[in-house]
Amino acid sequence: MKTREYLDTAAKIVSGQRQMDYGDKYQNHENISKLWSAYLDYNISAHDVAICMLLVKVARLKHRPTTDCYIDMAGYAAIAGEIQDQKKG
């Protein structure tokens, strides 16, 4: 795949079916952050969740690189950026 194909595929996934399955990206990551924070007794932000999910994909690459991991990393990076932008606005 070319760079643009990875990015286009990630954008379709993040804004398409996953958005319908899991709801608003920010709200979903905010919900996850609250659960992780309660479990860890440490405040985790929605932005932290997106970055940590990206790191899960990085860890999986050590075992076996897959196209899916690269696409998902691009998606989580974009979500992290969008969350950061929402916090500024």
PDB file of N, CA and C in Angstrom:
ATOM      1  N   MET A   1       0.837  -1.185   0.000  1.00  0.00           N
ATOM      2  CA  MET A   1       0.000   0.000   0.000  1.00  0.00           C
ATOM      3  C   MET A   1       0.883   1.250   0.000  1.00  0.00           C
ATOM      4  N   LYS A   2       0.364   2.277  -0.571  1.00  0.00           N
ATOM      5  CA  LYS A   2       1.017   3.592  -0.559  1.00  0.00           C
ATOM      6  C   LYS A   2       0.538   4.367   0.668  1.00  0.00           C
ATOM      7  N   THR A   3       1.309   5.377   1.047  1.00  0.00           N
ATOM      8  CA  THR A   3       0.985   6.189   2.223  1.00  0.00           C
ATOM      9  C   THR A   3      -0.452   6.683   2.180  1.00  0.00           C
ATOM     10  N   ARG A   4      -0.843   7.213   1.053  1.00  0.00           N
ATOM     11  CA  ARG A   4      -2.192   7.773   0.916  1.00  0.00           C
ATOM     12  C   ARG A   4      -3.258   6.705   1.147  1.00  0.00           C
ATOM     13  N   GLU A   5      -2.998   5.478   0.701  1.00  0.00           N
ATOM     14  CA  GLU A   5      -3.961   4.393   0.895  1.00  0.00           C
ATOM     15  C   GLU A   5      -4.129   4.062   2.375  1.00  0.00           C
ATOM     16  N   TYR A   6      -3.016   4.047   3.119  1.00  0.00           N
ATOM     17  CA  TYR A   6      -3.104   3.816   4.565  1.00  0.00           C
ATOM     18  C   TYR A   6      -3.948   4.902   5.226  1.00  0.00           C
ATOM     19  N   LEU A   7      -3.655   6.144   4.870  1.00  0.00           N
ATOM     20  CA  LEU A   7      -4.361   7.265   5.484  1.00  0.00           C
ATOM     21  C   LEU A   7      -5.833   7.292   5.088  1.00  0.00           C
ATOM     22  N   ASP A   8      -6.127   7.063   3.822  1.00  0.00           N
ATOM     23  CA  ASP A   8      -7.521   7.043   3.367  1.00  0.00           C
ATOM     24  C   ASP A   8      -8.302   5.916   4.038  1.00  0.00           C
ATOM     25  N   THR A   9      -7.672   4.750   4.144  1.00  0.00           N
ATOM     26  CA  THR A   9      -8.335   3.615   4.785  1.00  0.00           C
ATOM     27  C   THR A   9      -8.598   3.917   6.259  1.00  0.00           C
ATOM     28  N   ALA A  10      -7.606   4.494   6.943  1.00  0.00           N
ATOM     29  CA  ALA A  10      -7.785   4.853   8.355  1.00  0.00           C
ATOM     30  C   ALA A  10      -8.927   5.864   8.513  1.00  0.00           C
ATOM     31  N   ALA A  11      -8.973   6.854   7.643  1.00  0.00           N
ATOM     32  CA  ALA A  11     -10.028   7.871   7.714  1.00  0.00           C
ATOM     33  C   ALA A  11     -11.406   7.251   7.500  1.00  0.00           C
ATOM     34  N   LYS A  12     -11.516   6.338   6.550  1.00  0.00           N
ATOM     35  CA  LYS A  12     -12.801   5.673   6.306  1.00  0.00           C
ATOM     36  C   LYS A  12     -13.240   4.861   7.517  1.00  0.00           C
ATOM     37  N   ILE A  13     -12.307   4.166   8.128  1.00  0.00           N
ATOM     38  CA  ILE A  13     -12.625   3.335   9.287  1.00  0.00           C
ATOM     39  C   ILE A  13     -13.050   4.202  10.471  1.00  0.00           C
ATOM     40  N   VAL A  14     -12.272   5.229  10.762  1.00  0.00           N
ATOM     41  CA  VAL A  14     -12.527   6.074  11.930  1.00  0.00           C
ATOM     42  C   VAL A  14     -13.838   6.841  11.790  1.00  0.00           C
ATOM     43  N   SER A  15     -14.151   7.279  10.594  1.00  0.00           N
ATOM     44  CA  SER A  15     -15.352   8.083  10.373  1.00  0.00           C
ATOM     45  C   SER A  15     -16.545   7.274   9.881  1.00  0.00           C
ATOM     46  N   GLY A  16     -16.333   6.012   9.570  1.00  0.00           N
ATOM     47  CA  GLY A  16     -17.401   5.203   8.998  1.00  0.00           C
ATOM     48  C   GLY A  16     -18.049   4.275  10.002  1.00  0.00           C
ATOM     49  N   GLN A  17     -17.896   2.992   9.767  1.00  0.00           N
ATOM     50  CA  GLN A  17     -18.571   1.977  10.566  1.00  0.00           C
ATOM     51  C   GLN A  17     -18.209   2.051  12.041  1.00  0.00           C
ATOM     52  N   ARG A  18     -16.954   2.306  12.363  1.00  0.00           N
ATOM     53  CA  ARG A  18     -16.556   2.377  13.777  1.00  0.00           C
ATOM     54  C   ARG A  18     -17.262   3.526  14.478  1.00  0.00           C
ATOM     55  N   GLN A  19     -17.446   4.630  13.767  1.00  0.00           N
ATOM     56  CA  GLN A  19     -18.175   5.764  14.348  1.00  0.00           C
ATOM     57  C   GLN A  19     -19.607   5.332  14.654  1.00  0.00           C
ATOM     58  N   MET A  20     -20.194   4.545  13.760  1.00  0.00           N
ATOM     59  CA  MET A  20     -21.558   4.066  13.992  1.00  0.00           C
ATOM     60  C   MET A  20     -21.586   3.021  15.111  1.00  0.00           C
ATOM     61  N   ASP A  21     -20.577   2.160  15.163  1.00  0.00           N
ATOM     62  CA  ASP A  21     -20.535   1.100  16.173  1.00  0.00           C
ATOM     63  C   ASP A  21     -20.268   1.630  17.575  1.00  0.00           C
ATOM     64  N   TYR A  22     -19.344   2.585  17.695  1.00  0.00           N
ATOM     65  CA  TYR A  22     -18.874   3.022  19.009  1.00  0.00           C
ATOM     66  C   TYR A  22     -19.283   4.442  19.380  1.00  0.00           C
ATOM     67  N   GLY A  23     -19.900   5.160  18.466  1.00  0.00           N
ATOM     68  CA  GLY A  23     -20.329   6.523  18.754  1.00  0.00           C
ATOM     69  C   GLY A  23     -19.218   7.537  18.541  1.00  0.00           C
ATOM     70  N   ASP A  24     -19.450   8.715  19.067  1.00  0.00           N
ATOM     71  CA  ASP A  24     -18.518   9.824  18.927  1.00  0.00           C
ATOM     72  C   ASP A  24     -17.138   9.430  19.442  1.00  0.00           C
ATOM     73  N   LYS A  25     -16.105   9.719  18.662  1.00  0.00           N
ATOM     74  CA  LYS A  25     -14.723   9.345  19.018  1.00  0.00           C
ATOM     75  C   LYS A  25     -14.296   9.956  20.339  1.00  0.00           C
ATOM     76  N   TYR A  26     -14.572  11.237  20.512  1.00  0.00           N
ATOM     77  CA  TYR A  26     -14.156  11.904  21.738  1.00  0.00           C
ATOM     78  C   TYR A  26     -14.867  11.289  22.946  1.00  0.00           C
ATOM     79  N   GLN A  27     -16.179  11.125  22.832  1.00  0.00           N
ATOM     80  CA  GLN A  27     -16.946  10.585  23.960  1.00  0.00           C
ATOM     81  C   GLN A  27     -16.517   9.161  24.294  1.00  0.00           C
ATOM     82  N   ASN A  28     -16.250   8.356  23.285  1.00  0.00           N
ATOM     83  CA  ASN A  28     -15.797   6.981  23.508  1.00  0.00           C
ATOM     84  C   ASN A  28     -14.469   6.963  24.254  1.00  0.00           C
ATOM     85  N   HIS A  29     -13.530   7.783  23.819  1.00  0.00           N
ATOM     86  CA  HIS A  29     -12.222   7.831  24.482  1.00  0.00           C
ATOM     87  C   HIS A  29     -12.330   8.452  25.877  1.00  0.00           C
ATOM     88  N   GLU A  30     -13.260   9.375  26.050  1.00  0.00           N
ATOM     89  CA  GLU A  30     -13.505   9.955  27.369  1.00  0.00           C
ATOM     90  C   GLU A  30     -14.063   8.882  28.316  1.00  0.00           C
ATOM     91  N   ASN A  31     -14.983   8.066  27.828  1.00  0.00           N
ATOM     92  CA  ASN A  31     -15.534   6.972  28.640  1.00  0.00           C
ATOM     93  C   ASN A  31     -14.434   5.980  29.043  1.00  0.00           C
ATOM     94  N   ILE A  32     -13.599   5.632  28.088  1.00  0.00           N
ATOM     95  CA  ILE A  32     -12.486   4.714  28.375  1.00  0.00           C
ATOM     96  C   ILE A  32     -11.555   5.344  29.413  1.00  0.00           C
ATOM     97  N   SER A  33     -11.286   6.641  29.268  1.00  0.00           N
ATOM     98  CA  SER A  33     -10.364   7.306  30.203  1.00  0.00           C
ATOM     99  C   SER A  33     -10.907   7.276  31.628  1.00  0.00           C
ATOM    100  N   LYS A  34     -12.195   7.431  31.781  1.00  0.00           N
ATOM    101  CA  LYS A  34     -12.799   7.388  33.122  1.00  0.00           C
ATOM    102  C   LYS A  34     -12.666   5.999  33.735  1.00  0.00           C
ATOM    103  N   LEU A  35     -12.899   4.977  32.933  1.00  0.00           N
ATOM    104  CA  LEU A  35     -12.766   3.605  33.434  1.00  0.00           C
ATOM    105  C   LEU A  35     -11.320   3.279  33.796  1.00  0.00           C
ATOM    106  N   TRP A  36     -10.393   3.634  32.920  1.00  0.00           N
ATOM    107  CA  TRP A  36      -8.968   3.384  33.196  1.00  0.00           C
ATOM    108  C   TRP A  36      -8.524   4.169  34.428  1.00  0.00           C
ATOM    109  N   SER A  37      -8.971   5.405  34.540  1.00  0.00           N
ATOM    110  CA  SER A  37      -8.598   6.233  35.684  1.00  0.00           C
ATOM    111  C   SER A  37      -9.097   5.623  36.994  1.00  0.00           C
ATOM    112  N   ALA A  38     -10.332   5.150  36.994  1.00  0.00           N
ATOM    113  CA  ALA A  38     -10.885   4.528  38.198  1.00  0.00           C
ATOM    114  C   ALA A  38     -10.105   3.269  38.555  1.00  0.00           C
ATOM    115  N   TYR A  39      -9.782   2.475  37.561  1.00  0.00           N
ATOM    116  CA  TYR A  39      -9.059   1.228  37.805  1.00  0.00           C
ATOM    117  C   TYR A  39      -7.633   1.486  38.301  1.00  0.00           C
ATOM    118  N   LEU A  40      -6.962   2.438  37.698  1.00  0.00           N
ATOM    119  CA  LEU A  40      -5.554   2.706  38.005  1.00  0.00           C
ATOM    120  C   LEU A  40      -5.350   3.676  39.169  1.00  0.00           C
ATOM    121  N   ASP A  41      -6.434   4.327  39.625  1.00  0.00           N
ATOM    122  CA  ASP A  41      -6.311   5.387  40.637  1.00  0.00           C
ATOM    123  C   ASP A  41      -5.338   6.468  40.186  1.00  0.00           C
ATOM    124  N   TYR A  42      -5.409   6.784  38.906  1.00  0.00           N
ATOM    125  CA  TYR A  42      -4.544   7.791  38.299  1.00  0.00           C
ATOM    126  C   TYR A  42      -5.319   8.407  37.147  1.00  0.00           C
ATOM    127  N   ASN A  43      -5.302   9.720  37.025  1.00  0.00           N
ATOM    128  CA  ASN A  43      -6.085  10.386  35.991  1.00  0.00           C
ATOM    129  C   ASN A  43      -5.507  10.148  34.596  1.00  0.00           C
ATOM    130  N   ILE A  44      -6.312   9.564  33.739  1.00  0.00           N
ATOM    131  CA  ILE A  44      -5.971   9.303  32.338  1.00  0.00           C
ATOM    132  C   ILE A  44      -6.912  10.147  31.481  1.00  0.00           C
ATOM    133  N   SER A  45      -6.374  10.861  30.518  1.00  0.00           N
ATOM    134  CA  SER A  45      -7.212  11.686  29.633  1.00  0.00           C
ATOM    135  C   SER A  45      -7.644  10.892  28.399  1.00  0.00           C
ATOM    136  N   ALA A  46      -8.629  11.427  27.714  1.00  0.00           N
ATOM    137  CA  ALA A  46      -9.066  10.823  26.451  1.00  0.00           C
ATOM    138  C   ALA A  46      -7.909  10.792  25.454  1.00  0.00           C
ATOM    139  N   HIS A  47      -7.086  11.835  25.461  1.00  0.00           N
ATOM    140  CA  HIS A  47      -5.911  11.892  24.591  1.00  0.00           C
ATOM    141  C   HIS A  47      -4.942  10.763  24.947  1.00  0.00           C
ATOM    142  N   ASP A  48      -4.722  10.547  26.258  1.00  0.00           N
ATOM    143  CA  ASP A  48      -3.862   9.445  26.707  1.00  0.00           C
ATOM    144  C   ASP A  48      -4.367   8.101  26.186  1.00  0.00           C
ATOM    145  N   VAL A  49      -5.675   7.922  26.193  1.00  0.00           N
ATOM    146  CA  VAL A  49      -6.264   6.659  25.715  1.00  0.00           C
ATOM    147  C   VAL A  49      -5.895   6.428  24.251  1.00  0.00           C
ATOM    148  N   ALA A  50      -6.070   7.448  23.422  1.00  0.00           N
ATOM    149  CA  ALA A  50      -5.755   7.296  22.000  1.00  0.00           C
ATOM    150  C   ALA A  50      -4.281   6.961  21.796  1.00  0.00           C
ATOM    151  N   ILE A  51      -3.401   7.630  22.540  1.00  0.00           N
ATOM    152  CA  ILE A  51      -1.970   7.359  22.419  1.00  0.00           C
ATOM    153  C   ILE A  51      -1.651   5.948  22.910  1.00  0.00           C
ATOM    154  N   CYS A  52      -2.243   5.541  24.015  1.00  0.00           N
ATOM    155  CA  CYS A  52      -1.989   4.189  24.534  1.00  0.00           C
ATOM    156  C   CYS A  52      -2.504   3.113  23.581  1.00  0.00           C
ATOM    157  N   MET A  53      -3.644   3.368  22.945  1.00  0.00           N
ATOM    158  CA  MET A  53      -4.150   2.402  21.967  1.00  0.00           C
ATOM    159  C   MET A  53      -3.205   2.314  20.770  1.00  0.00           C
ATOM    160  N   LEU A  54      -2.647   3.452  20.366  1.00  0.00           N
ATOM    161  CA  LEU A  54      -1.637   3.446  19.308  1.00  0.00           C
ATOM    162  C   LEU A  54      -0.441   2.601  19.738  1.00  0.00           C
ATOM    163  N   LEU A  55      -0.034   2.729  20.995  1.00  0.00           N
ATOM    164  CA  LEU A  55       1.104   1.963  21.493  1.00  0.00           C
ATOM    165  C   LEU A  55       0.815   0.461  21.551  1.00  0.00           C
ATOM    166  N   VAL A  56      -0.445   0.095  21.757  1.00  0.00           N
ATOM    167  CA  VAL A  56      -0.825  -1.325  21.685  1.00  0.00           C
ATOM    168  C   VAL A  56      -0.506  -1.848  20.285  1.00  0.00           C
ATOM    169  N   LYS A  57      -0.829  -1.057  19.294  1.00  0.00           N
ATOM    170  CA  LYS A  57      -0.553  -1.459  17.913  1.00  0.00           C
ATOM    171  C   LYS A  57       0.951  -1.557  17.659  1.00  0.00           C
ATOM    172  N   VAL A  58       1.729  -0.632  18.230  1.00  0.00           N
ATOM    173  CA  VAL A  58       3.186  -0.686  18.095  1.00  0.00           C
ATOM    174  C   VAL A  58       3.710  -1.983  18.705  1.00  0.00           C
ATOM    175  N   ALA A  59       3.200  -2.319  19.881  1.00  0.00           N
ATOM    176  CA  ALA A  59       3.634  -3.563  20.541  1.00  0.00           C
ATOM    177  C   ALA A  59       3.300  -4.790  19.694  1.00  0.00           C
ATOM    178  N   ARG A  60       2.156  -4.778  19.060  1.00  0.00           N
ATOM    179  CA  ARG A  60       1.767  -5.912  18.213  1.00  0.00           C
ATOM    180  C   ARG A  60       2.682  -6.056  17.007  1.00  0.00           C
ATOM    181  N   LEU A  61       3.206  -4.925  16.529  1.00  0.00           N
ATOM    182  CA  LEU A  61       4.121  -4.975  15.386  1.00  0.00           C
ATOM    183  C   LEU A  61       5.391  -5.755  15.710  1.00  0.00           C
ATOM    184  N   LYS A  62       5.773  -5.765  16.987  1.00  0.00           N
ATOM    185  CA  LYS A  62       6.976  -6.506  17.379  1.00  0.00           C
ATOM    186  C   LYS A  62       6.786  -8.003  17.163  1.00  0.00           C
ATOM    187  N   HIS A  63       5.544  -8.461  17.282  1.00  0.00           N
ATOM    188  CA  HIS A  63       5.257  -9.880  17.072  1.00  0.00           C
ATOM    189  C   HIS A  63       5.115 -10.191  15.585  1.00  0.00           C
ATOM    190  N   ARG A  64       4.250  -9.419  14.931  1.00  0.00           N
ATOM    191  CA  ARG A  64       4.017  -9.658  13.505  1.00  0.00           C
ATOM    192  C   ARG A  64       3.434  -8.404  12.866  1.00  0.00           C
ATOM    193  N   PRO A  65       4.190  -7.768  11.986  1.00  0.00           N
ATOM    194  CA  PRO A  65       3.663  -6.591  11.293  1.00  0.00           C
ATOM    195  C   PRO A  65       2.470  -6.952  10.404  1.00  0.00           C
ATOM    196  N   THR A  66       1.401  -6.190  10.540  1.00  0.00           N
ATOM    197  CA  THR A  66       0.234  -6.380   9.679  1.00  0.00           C
ATOM    198  C   THR A  66      -0.204  -5.026   9.134  1.00  0.00           C
ATOM    199  N   THR A  67      -0.856  -5.055   8.013  1.00  0.00           N
ATOM    200  CA  THR A  67      -1.412  -3.837   7.428  1.00  0.00           C
ATOM    201  C   THR A  67      -2.380  -3.193   8.404  1.00  0.00           C
ATOM    202  N   ASP A  68      -3.187  -4.017   9.071  1.00  0.00           N
ATOM    203  CA  ASP A  68      -4.178  -3.526  10.016  1.00  0.00           C
ATOM    204  C   ASP A  68      -3.534  -2.679  11.121  1.00  0.00           C
ATOM    205  N   CYS A  69      -2.400  -3.113  11.639  1.00  0.00           N
ATOM    206  CA  CYS A  69      -1.727  -2.346  12.702  1.00  0.00           C
ATOM    207  C   CYS A  69      -1.335  -0.959  12.216  1.00  0.00           C
ATOM    208  N   TYR A  70      -0.789  -0.877  11.019  1.00  0.00           N
ATOM    209  CA  TYR A  70      -0.380   0.424  10.485  1.00  0.00           C
ATOM    210  C   TYR A  70      -1.590   1.328  10.240  1.00  0.00           C
ATOM    211  N   ILE A  71      -2.654   0.764   9.733  1.00  0.00           N
ATOM    212  CA  ILE A  71      -3.878   1.542   9.511  1.00  0.00           C
ATOM    213  C   ILE A  71      -4.438   2.031  10.841  1.00  0.00           C
ATOM    214  N   ASP A  72      -4.503   1.136  11.822  1.00  0.00           N
ATOM    215  CA  ASP A  72      -5.035   1.517  13.132  1.00  0.00           C
ATOM    216  C   ASP A  72      -4.156   2.561  13.816  1.00  0.00           C
ATOM    217  N   MET A  73      -2.834   2.467  13.662  1.00  0.00           N
ATOM    218  CA  MET A  73      -1.956   3.477  14.253  1.00  0.00           C
ATOM    219  C   MET A  73      -2.250   4.853  13.657  1.00  0.00           C
ATOM    220  N   ALA A  74      -2.447   4.900  12.351  1.00  0.00           N
ATOM    221  CA  ALA A  74      -2.786   6.173  11.700  1.00  0.00           C
ATOM    222  C   ALA A  74      -4.117   6.693  12.232  1.00  0.00           C
ATOM    223  N   GLY A  75      -5.067   5.789  12.401  1.00  0.00           N
ATOM    224  CA  GLY A  75      -6.374   6.183  12.931  1.00  0.00           C
ATOM    225  C   GLY A  75      -6.283   6.729  14.345  1.00  0.00           C
ATOM    226  N   TYR A  76      -5.561   6.033  15.224  1.00  0.00           N
ATOM    227  CA  TYR A  76      -5.422   6.502  16.599  1.00  0.00           C
ATOM    228  C   TYR A  76      -4.653   7.816  16.678  1.00  0.00           C
ATOM    229  N   ALA A  77      -3.657   7.993  15.816  1.00  0.00           N
ATOM    230  CA  ALA A  77      -2.927   9.267  15.779  1.00  0.00           C
ATOM    231  C   ALA A  77      -3.873  10.402  15.392  1.00  0.00           C
ATOM    232  N   ALA A  78      -4.723  10.154  14.412  1.00  0.00           N
ATOM    233  CA  ALA A  78      -5.680  11.173  13.979  1.00  0.00           C
ATOM    234  C   ALA A  78      -6.695  11.475  15.082  1.00  0.00           C
ATOM    235  N   ILE A  79      -7.155  10.433  15.761  1.00  0.00           N
ATOM    236  CA  ILE A  79      -8.095  10.629  16.863  1.00  0.00           C
ATOM    237  C   ILE A  79      -7.434  11.440  17.975  1.00  0.00           C
ATOM    238  N   ALA A  80      -6.195  11.116  18.312  1.00  0.00           N
ATOM    239  CA  ALA A  80      -5.480  11.872  19.341  1.00  0.00           C
ATOM    240  C   ALA A  80      -5.383  13.347  18.951  1.00  0.00           C
ATOM    241  N   GLY A  81      -5.067  13.610  17.693  1.00  0.00           N
ATOM    242  CA  GLY A  81      -4.990  14.987  17.220  1.00  0.00           C
ATOM    243  C   GLY A  81      -6.338  15.699  17.304  1.00  0.00           C
ATOM    244  N   GLU A  82      -7.391  14.993  16.924  1.00  0.00           N
ATOM    245  CA  GLU A  82      -8.734  15.579  16.982  1.00  0.00           C
ATOM    246  C   GLU A  82      -9.128  15.874  18.433  1.00  0.00           C
ATOM    247  N   ILE A  83      -8.837  14.971  19.335  1.00  0.00           N
ATOM    248  CA  ILE A  83      -9.144  15.194  20.761  1.00  0.00           C
ATOM    249  C   ILE A  83      -8.377  16.405  21.270  1.00  0.00           C
ATOM    250  N   GLN A  84      -7.101  16.485  20.913  1.00  0.00           N
ATOM    251  CA  GLN A  84      -6.279  17.621  21.341  1.00  0.00           C
ATOM    252  C   GLN A  84      -6.866  18.932  20.811  1.00  0.00           C
ATOM    253  N   ASP A  85      -7.294  18.922  19.552  1.00  0.00           N
ATOM    254  CA  ASP A  85      -7.899  20.124  18.966  1.00  0.00           C
ATOM    255  C   ASP A  85      -9.188  20.511  19.691  1.00  0.00           C
ATOM    256  N   GLN A  86      -9.983  19.526  20.081  1.00  0.00           N
ATOM    257  CA  GLN A  86     -11.245  19.807  20.796  1.00  0.00           C
ATOM    258  C   GLN A  86     -10.956  20.438  22.155  1.00  0.00           C
ATOM    259  N   LYS A  87      -9.887  19.991  22.796  1.00  0.00           N
ATOM    260  CA  LYS A  87      -9.533  20.558  24.095  1.00  0.00           C
ATOM    261  C   LYS A  87      -9.127  22.019  23.972  1.00  0.00           C
ATOM    262  N   LYS A  88      -8.514  22.379  22.850  1.00  0.00           N
ATOM    263  CA  LYS A  88      -8.078  23.767  22.620  1.00  0.00           C
ATOM    264  C   LYS A  88      -9.269  24.676  22.357  1.00  0.00           C
ATOM    265  N   GLY A  89     -10.269  24.101  21.624  1.00  0.00           N
ATOM    266  CA  GLY A  89     -11.405  24.894  21.157  1.00  0.00           C
ATOM    267  C   GLY A  89     -12.386  25.147  22.206  1.00  0.00           C
TER     268      GLY A  89
END
